[in-house]
Amino acid sequence: MNVKSIFGIILTLVGLVGLIYGGIDFTKGGVAQASFVYLILGGIFFFTGVSLLRSTKA
């Protein structure tokens, strides 16, 4: 595994955690603005990590 692949996995996992945390916070009726920030940042990290994994040659 090269560094780009490891970094892609880390970004994907961080994004997934952010999406899950934002979704849980949003459904529990937490602060809506913070929930949207977690969801947006989680989505950015998740899709960036997935695209980085796709672009690296395994």
PDB file of N, CA and C in Angstrom:
ATOM      1  N   MET A   1       0.849  -1.189   0.000  1.00  0.00           N
ATOM      2  CA  MET A   1       0.000   0.000   0.000  1.00  0.00           C
ATOM      3  C   MET A   1       0.887   1.242   0.000  1.00  0.00           C
ATOM      4  N   ASN A   2       0.524   2.182  -0.825  1.00  0.00           N
ATOM      5  CA  ASN A   2       1.289   3.416  -0.828  1.00  0.00           C
ATOM      6  C   ASN A   2       0.593   4.470   0.030  1.00  0.00           C
ATOM      7  N   VAL A   3       1.206   5.621   0.129  1.00  0.00           N
ATOM      8  CA  VAL A   3       0.734   6.661   1.035  1.00  0.00           C
ATOM      9  C   VAL A   3      -0.616   7.216   0.591  1.00  0.00           C
ATOM     10  N   LYS A   4      -0.815   7.354  -0.722  1.00  0.00           N
ATOM     11  CA  LYS A   4      -2.092   7.885  -1.213  1.00  0.00           C
ATOM     12  C   LYS A   4      -3.253   6.958  -0.861  1.00  0.00           C
ATOM     13  N   SER A   5      -3.014   5.678  -0.930  1.00  0.00           N
ATOM     14  CA  SER A   5      -4.051   4.706  -0.605  1.00  0.00           C
ATOM     15  C   SER A   5      -4.400   4.756   0.881  1.00  0.00           C
ATOM     16  N   ILE A   6      -3.389   4.839   1.733  1.00  0.00           N
ATOM     17  CA  ILE A   6      -3.629   4.915   3.179  1.00  0.00           C
ATOM     18  C   ILE A   6      -4.357   6.209   3.527  1.00  0.00           C
ATOM     19  N   PHE A   7      -3.931   7.317   2.912  1.00  0.00           N
ATOM     20  CA  PHE A   7      -4.583   8.600   3.158  1.00  0.00           C
ATOM     21  C   PHE A   7      -6.034   8.579   2.678  1.00  0.00           C
ATOM     22  N   GLY A   8      -6.310   7.903   1.568  1.00  0.00           N
ATOM     23  CA  GLY A   8      -7.680   7.765   1.079  1.00  0.00           C
ATOM     24  C   GLY A   8      -8.555   6.976   2.029  1.00  0.00           C
ATOM     25  N   ILE A   9      -8.003   5.924   2.614  1.00  0.00           N
ATOM     26  CA  ILE A   9      -8.750   5.126   3.589  1.00  0.00           C
ATOM     27  C   ILE A   9      -9.054   5.954   4.832  1.00  0.00           C
ATOM     28  N   ILE A  10      -8.059   6.722   5.294  1.00  0.00           N
ATOM     29  CA  ILE A  10      -8.262   7.555   6.487  1.00  0.00           C
ATOM     30  C   ILE A  10      -9.328   8.613   6.224  1.00  0.00           C
ATOM     31  N   LEU A  11      -9.259   9.274   5.054  1.00  0.00           N
ATOM     32  CA  LEU A  11     -10.268  10.286   4.722  1.00  0.00           C
ATOM     33  C   LEU A  11     -11.665   9.679   4.627  1.00  0.00           C
ATOM     34  N   THR A  12     -11.753   8.500   4.053  1.00  0.00           N
ATOM     35  CA  THR A  12     -13.052   7.840   3.929  1.00  0.00           C
ATOM     36  C   THR A  12     -13.628   7.501   5.302  1.00  0.00           C
ATOM     37  N   LEU A  13     -12.804   6.988   6.189  1.00  0.00           N
ATOM     38  CA  LEU A  13     -13.286   6.634   7.528  1.00  0.00           C
ATOM     39  C   LEU A  13     -13.673   7.873   8.333  1.00  0.00           C
ATOM     40  N   VAL A  14     -12.872   8.933   8.246  1.00  0.00           N
ATOM     41  CA  VAL A  14     -13.211  10.174   8.953  1.00  0.00           C
ATOM     42  C   VAL A  14     -14.520  10.750   8.406  1.00  0.00           C
ATOM     43  N   GLY A  15     -14.689  10.701   7.096  1.00  0.00           N
ATOM     44  CA  GLY A  15     -15.925  11.180   6.491  1.00  0.00           C
ATOM     45  C   GLY A  15     -17.125  10.357   6.909  1.00  0.00           C
ATOM     46  N   LEU A  16     -16.945   9.055   6.993  1.00  0.00           N
ATOM     47  CA  LEU A  16     -18.035   8.181   7.418  1.00  0.00           C
ATOM     48  C   LEU A  16     -18.435   8.457   8.860  1.00  0.00           C
ATOM     49  N   VAL A  17     -17.440   8.664   9.720  1.00  0.00           N
ATOM     50  CA  VAL A  17     -17.736   9.000  11.118  1.00  0.00           C
ATOM     51  C   VAL A  17     -18.466  10.338  11.202  1.00  0.00           C
ATOM     52  N   GLY A  18     -18.031  11.313  10.406  1.00  0.00           N
ATOM     53  CA  GLY A  18     -18.698  12.614  10.396  1.00  0.00           C
ATOM     54  C   GLY A  18     -20.129  12.520   9.905  1.00  0.00           C
ATOM     55  N   LEU A  19     -20.364  11.725   8.885  1.00  0.00           N
ATOM     56  CA  LEU A  19     -21.727  11.544   8.380  1.00  0.00           C
ATOM     57  C   LEU A  19     -22.618  10.859   9.409  1.00  0.00           C
ATOM     58  N   ILE A  20     -22.093   9.849  10.067  1.00  0.00           N
ATOM     59  CA  ILE A  20     -22.880   9.144  11.079  1.00  0.00           C
ATOM     60  C   ILE A  20     -23.172  10.062  12.260  1.00  0.00           C
ATOM     61  N   TYR A  21     -22.154  10.778  12.733  1.00  0.00           N
ATOM     62  CA  TYR A  21     -22.353  11.675  13.870  1.00  0.00           C
ATOM     63  C   TYR A  21     -23.333  12.797  13.530  1.00  0.00           C
ATOM     64  N   GLY A  22     -23.197  13.368  12.343  1.00  0.00           N
ATOM     65  CA  GLY A  22     -24.123  14.417  11.922  1.00  0.00           C
ATOM     66  C   GLY A  22     -25.539  13.910  11.769  1.00  0.00           C
ATOM     67  N   GLY A  23     -25.678  12.691  11.248  1.00  0.00           N
ATOM     68  CA  GLY A  23     -27.019  12.107  11.099  1.00  0.00           C
ATOM     69  C   GLY A  23     -27.664  11.812  12.436  1.00  0.00           C
ATOM     70  N   ILE A  24     -26.898  11.299  13.368  1.00  0.00           N
ATOM     71  CA  ILE A  24     -27.437  11.018  14.702  1.00  0.00           C
ATOM     72  C   ILE A  24     -27.821  12.317  15.402  1.00  0.00           C
ATOM     73  N   ASP A  25     -26.950  13.330  15.302  1.00  0.00           N
ATOM     74  CA  ASP A  25     -27.229  14.627  15.927  1.00  0.00           C
ATOM     75  C   ASP A  25     -28.447  15.285  15.294  1.00  0.00           C
ATOM     76  N   PHE A  26     -28.589  15.141  13.984  1.00  0.00           N
ATOM     77  CA  PHE A  26     -29.723  15.742  13.281  1.00  0.00           C
ATOM     78  C   PHE A  26     -31.038  15.075  13.654  1.00  0.00           C
ATOM     79  N   THR A  27     -31.027  13.751  13.789  1.00  0.00           N
ATOM     80  CA  THR A  27     -32.268  13.049  14.111  1.00  0.00           C
ATOM     81  C   THR A  27     -32.670  13.203  15.571  1.00  0.00           C
ATOM     82  N   LYS A  28     -31.701  13.463  16.449  1.00  0.00           N
ATOM     83  CA  LYS A  28     -32.027  13.649  17.862  1.00  0.00           C
ATOM     84  C   LYS A  28     -32.499  15.067  18.164  1.00  0.00           C
ATOM     85  N   GLY A  29     -32.508  15.937  17.178  1.00  0.00           N
ATOM     86  CA  GLY A  29     -32.988  17.296  17.386  1.00  0.00           C
ATOM     87  C   GLY A  29     -31.959  18.209  18.003  1.00  0.00           C
ATOM     88  N   GLY A  30     -30.692  17.945  17.708  1.00  0.00           N
ATOM     89  CA  GLY A  30     -29.628  18.799  18.226  1.00  0.00           C
ATOM     90  C   GLY A  30     -29.616  20.134  17.509  1.00  0.00           C
ATOM     91  N   VAL A  31     -28.557  20.860  17.705  1.00  0.00           N
ATOM     92  CA  VAL A  31     -28.421  22.155  17.042  1.00  0.00           C
ATOM     93  C   VAL A  31     -28.333  21.906  15.542  1.00  0.00           C
ATOM     94  N   ALA A  32     -29.283  22.446  14.805  1.00  0.00           N
ATOM     95  CA  ALA A  32     -29.389  22.137  13.380  1.00  0.00           C
ATOM     96  C   ALA A  32     -28.182  22.637  12.600  1.00  0.00           C
ATOM     97  N   GLN A  33     -27.640  23.801  12.965  1.00  0.00           N
ATOM     98  CA  GLN A  33     -26.510  24.339  12.227  1.00  0.00           C
ATOM     99  C   GLN A  33     -25.281  23.445  12.395  1.00  0.00           C
ATOM    100  N   ALA A  34     -25.034  22.971  13.595  1.00  0.00           N
ATOM    101  CA  ALA A  34     -23.894  22.078  13.831  1.00  0.00           C
ATOM    102  C   ALA A  34     -24.091  20.750  13.109  1.00  0.00           C
ATOM    103  N   SER A  35     -25.319  20.261  13.062  1.00  0.00           N
ATOM    104  CA  SER A  35     -25.593  19.005  12.369  1.00  0.00           C
ATOM    105  C   SER A  35     -25.275  19.127  10.888  1.00  0.00           C
ATOM    106  N   PHE A  36     -25.660  20.250  10.289  1.00  0.00           N
ATOM    107  CA  PHE A  36     -25.383  20.446   8.871  1.00  0.00           C
ATOM    108  C   PHE A  36     -23.887  20.583   8.615  1.00  0.00           C
ATOM    109  N   VAL A  37     -23.167  21.192   9.534  1.00  0.00           N
ATOM    110  CA  VAL A  37     -21.713  21.312   9.370  1.00  0.00           C
ATOM    111  C   VAL A  37     -21.073  19.926   9.401  1.00  0.00           C
ATOM    112  N   TYR A  38     -21.481  19.084  10.346  1.00  0.00           N
ATOM    113  CA  TYR A  38     -20.945  17.728  10.408  1.00  0.00           C
ATOM    114  C   TYR A  38     -21.294  16.940   9.146  1.00  0.00           C
ATOM    115  N   LEU A  39     -22.516  17.090   8.678  1.00  0.00           N
ATOM    116  CA  LEU A  39     -22.927  16.361   7.482  1.00  0.00           C
ATOM    117  C   LEU A  39     -22.164  16.830   6.248  1.00  0.00           C
ATOM    118  N   ILE A  40     -21.989  18.126   6.098  1.00  0.00           N
ATOM    119  CA  ILE A  40     -21.302  18.650   4.922  1.00  0.00           C
ATOM    120  C   ILE A  40     -19.820  18.273   4.948  1.00  0.00           C
ATOM    121  N   LEU A  41     -19.169  18.484   6.095  1.00  0.00           N
ATOM    122  CA  LEU A  41     -17.752  18.121   6.178  1.00  0.00           C
ATOM    123  C   LEU A  41     -17.546  16.612   6.051  1.00  0.00           C
ATOM    124  N   GLY A  42     -18.432  15.839   6.648  1.00  0.00           N
ATOM    125  CA  GLY A  42     -18.339  14.386   6.509  1.00  0.00           C
ATOM    126  C   GLY A  42     -18.499  13.944   5.067  1.00  0.00           C
ATOM    127  N   GLY A  43     -19.432  14.568   4.352  1.00  0.00           N
ATOM    128  CA  GLY A  43     -19.616  14.244   2.938  1.00  0.00           C
ATOM    129  C   GLY A  43     -18.412  14.617   2.099  1.00  0.00           C
ATOM    130  N   ILE A  44     -17.825  15.781   2.380  1.00  0.00           N
ATOM    131  CA  ILE A  44     -16.634  16.204   1.638  1.00  0.00           C
ATOM    132  C   ILE A  44     -15.482  15.231   1.871  1.00  0.00           C
ATOM    133  N   PHE A  45     -15.226  14.891   3.145  1.00  0.00           N
ATOM    134  CA  PHE A  45     -14.143  13.958   3.449  1.00  0.00           C
ATOM    135  C   PHE A  45     -14.406  12.579   2.852  1.00  0.00           C
ATOM    136  N   PHE A  46     -15.648  12.117   2.946  1.00  0.00           N
ATOM    137  CA  PHE A  46     -15.980  10.786   2.452  1.00  0.00           C
ATOM    138  C   PHE A  46     -15.782  10.690   0.944  1.00  0.00           C
ATOM    139  N   PHE A  47     -16.346  11.634   0.198  1.00  0.00           N
ATOM    140  CA  PHE A  47     -16.251  11.557  -1.252  1.00  0.00           C
ATOM    141  C   PHE A  47     -14.840  11.870  -1.760  1.00  0.00           C
ATOM    142  N   THR A  48     -14.091  12.683  -1.036  1.00  0.00           N
ATOM    143  CA  THR A  48     -12.701  12.917  -1.386  1.00  0.00           C
ATOM    144  C   THR A  48     -11.880  11.642  -1.183  1.00  0.00           C
ATOM    145  N   GLY A  49     -12.113  10.970  -0.072  1.00  0.00           N
ATOM    146  CA  GLY A  49     -11.394   9.715   0.180  1.00  0.00           C
ATOM    147  C   GLY A  49     -11.732   8.634  -0.834  1.00  0.00           C
ATOM    148  N   VAL A  50     -12.999   8.535  -1.197  1.00  0.00           N
ATOM    149  CA  VAL A  50     -13.401   7.526  -2.183  1.00  0.00           C
ATOM    150  C   VAL A  50     -12.792   7.831  -3.543  1.00  0.00           C
ATOM    151  N   SER A  51     -12.802   9.095  -3.952  1.00  0.00           N
ATOM    152  CA  SER A  51     -12.224   9.439  -5.240  1.00  0.00           C
ATOM    153  C   SER A  51     -10.709   9.249  -5.237  1.00  0.00           C
ATOM    154  N   LEU A  52     -10.064   9.499  -4.088  1.00  0.00           N
ATOM    155  CA  LEU A  52      -8.628   9.261  -3.997  1.00  0.00           C
ATOM    156  C   LEU A  52      -8.318   7.779  -4.081  1.00  0.00           C
ATOM    157  N   LEU A  53      -9.147   6.944  -3.482  1.00  0.00           N
ATOM    158  CA  LEU A  53      -8.950   5.503  -3.580  1.00  0.00           C
ATOM    159  C   LEU A  53      -9.165   4.999  -5.001  1.00  0.00           C
ATOM    160  N   ARG A  54     -10.128   5.595  -5.697  1.00  0.00           N
ATOM    161  CA  ARG A  54     -10.371   5.172  -7.079  1.00  0.00           C
ATOM    162  C   ARG A  54      -9.242   5.579  -8.012  1.00  0.00           C
ATOM    163  N   SER A  55      -8.619   6.727  -7.738  1.00  0.00           N
ATOM    164  CA  SER A  55      -7.593   7.222  -8.645  1.00  0.00           C
ATOM    165  C   SER A  55      -6.245   6.556  -8.441  1.00  0.00           C
ATOM    166  N   THR A  56      -6.012   5.946  -7.274  1.00  0.00           N
ATOM    167  CA  THR A  56      -4.739   5.259  -7.056  1.00  0.00           C
ATOM    168  C   THR A  56      -4.799   3.888  -7.692  1.00  0.00           C
ATOM    169  N   LYS A  57      -3.702   3.497  -8.257  1.00  0.00           N
ATOM    170  CA  LYS A  57      -3.634   2.189  -8.907  1.00  0.00           C
ATOM    171  C   LYS A  57      -3.187   1.149  -7.884  1.00  0.00           C
ATOM    172  N   ALA A  58      -4.014   0.154  -7.696  1.00  0.00           N
ATOM    173  CA  ALA A  58      -3.738  -0.849  -6.668  1.00  0.00           C
ATOM    174  C   ALA A  58      -2.775  -1.895  -7.122  1.00  0.00           C
TER     175      ALA A  58
END
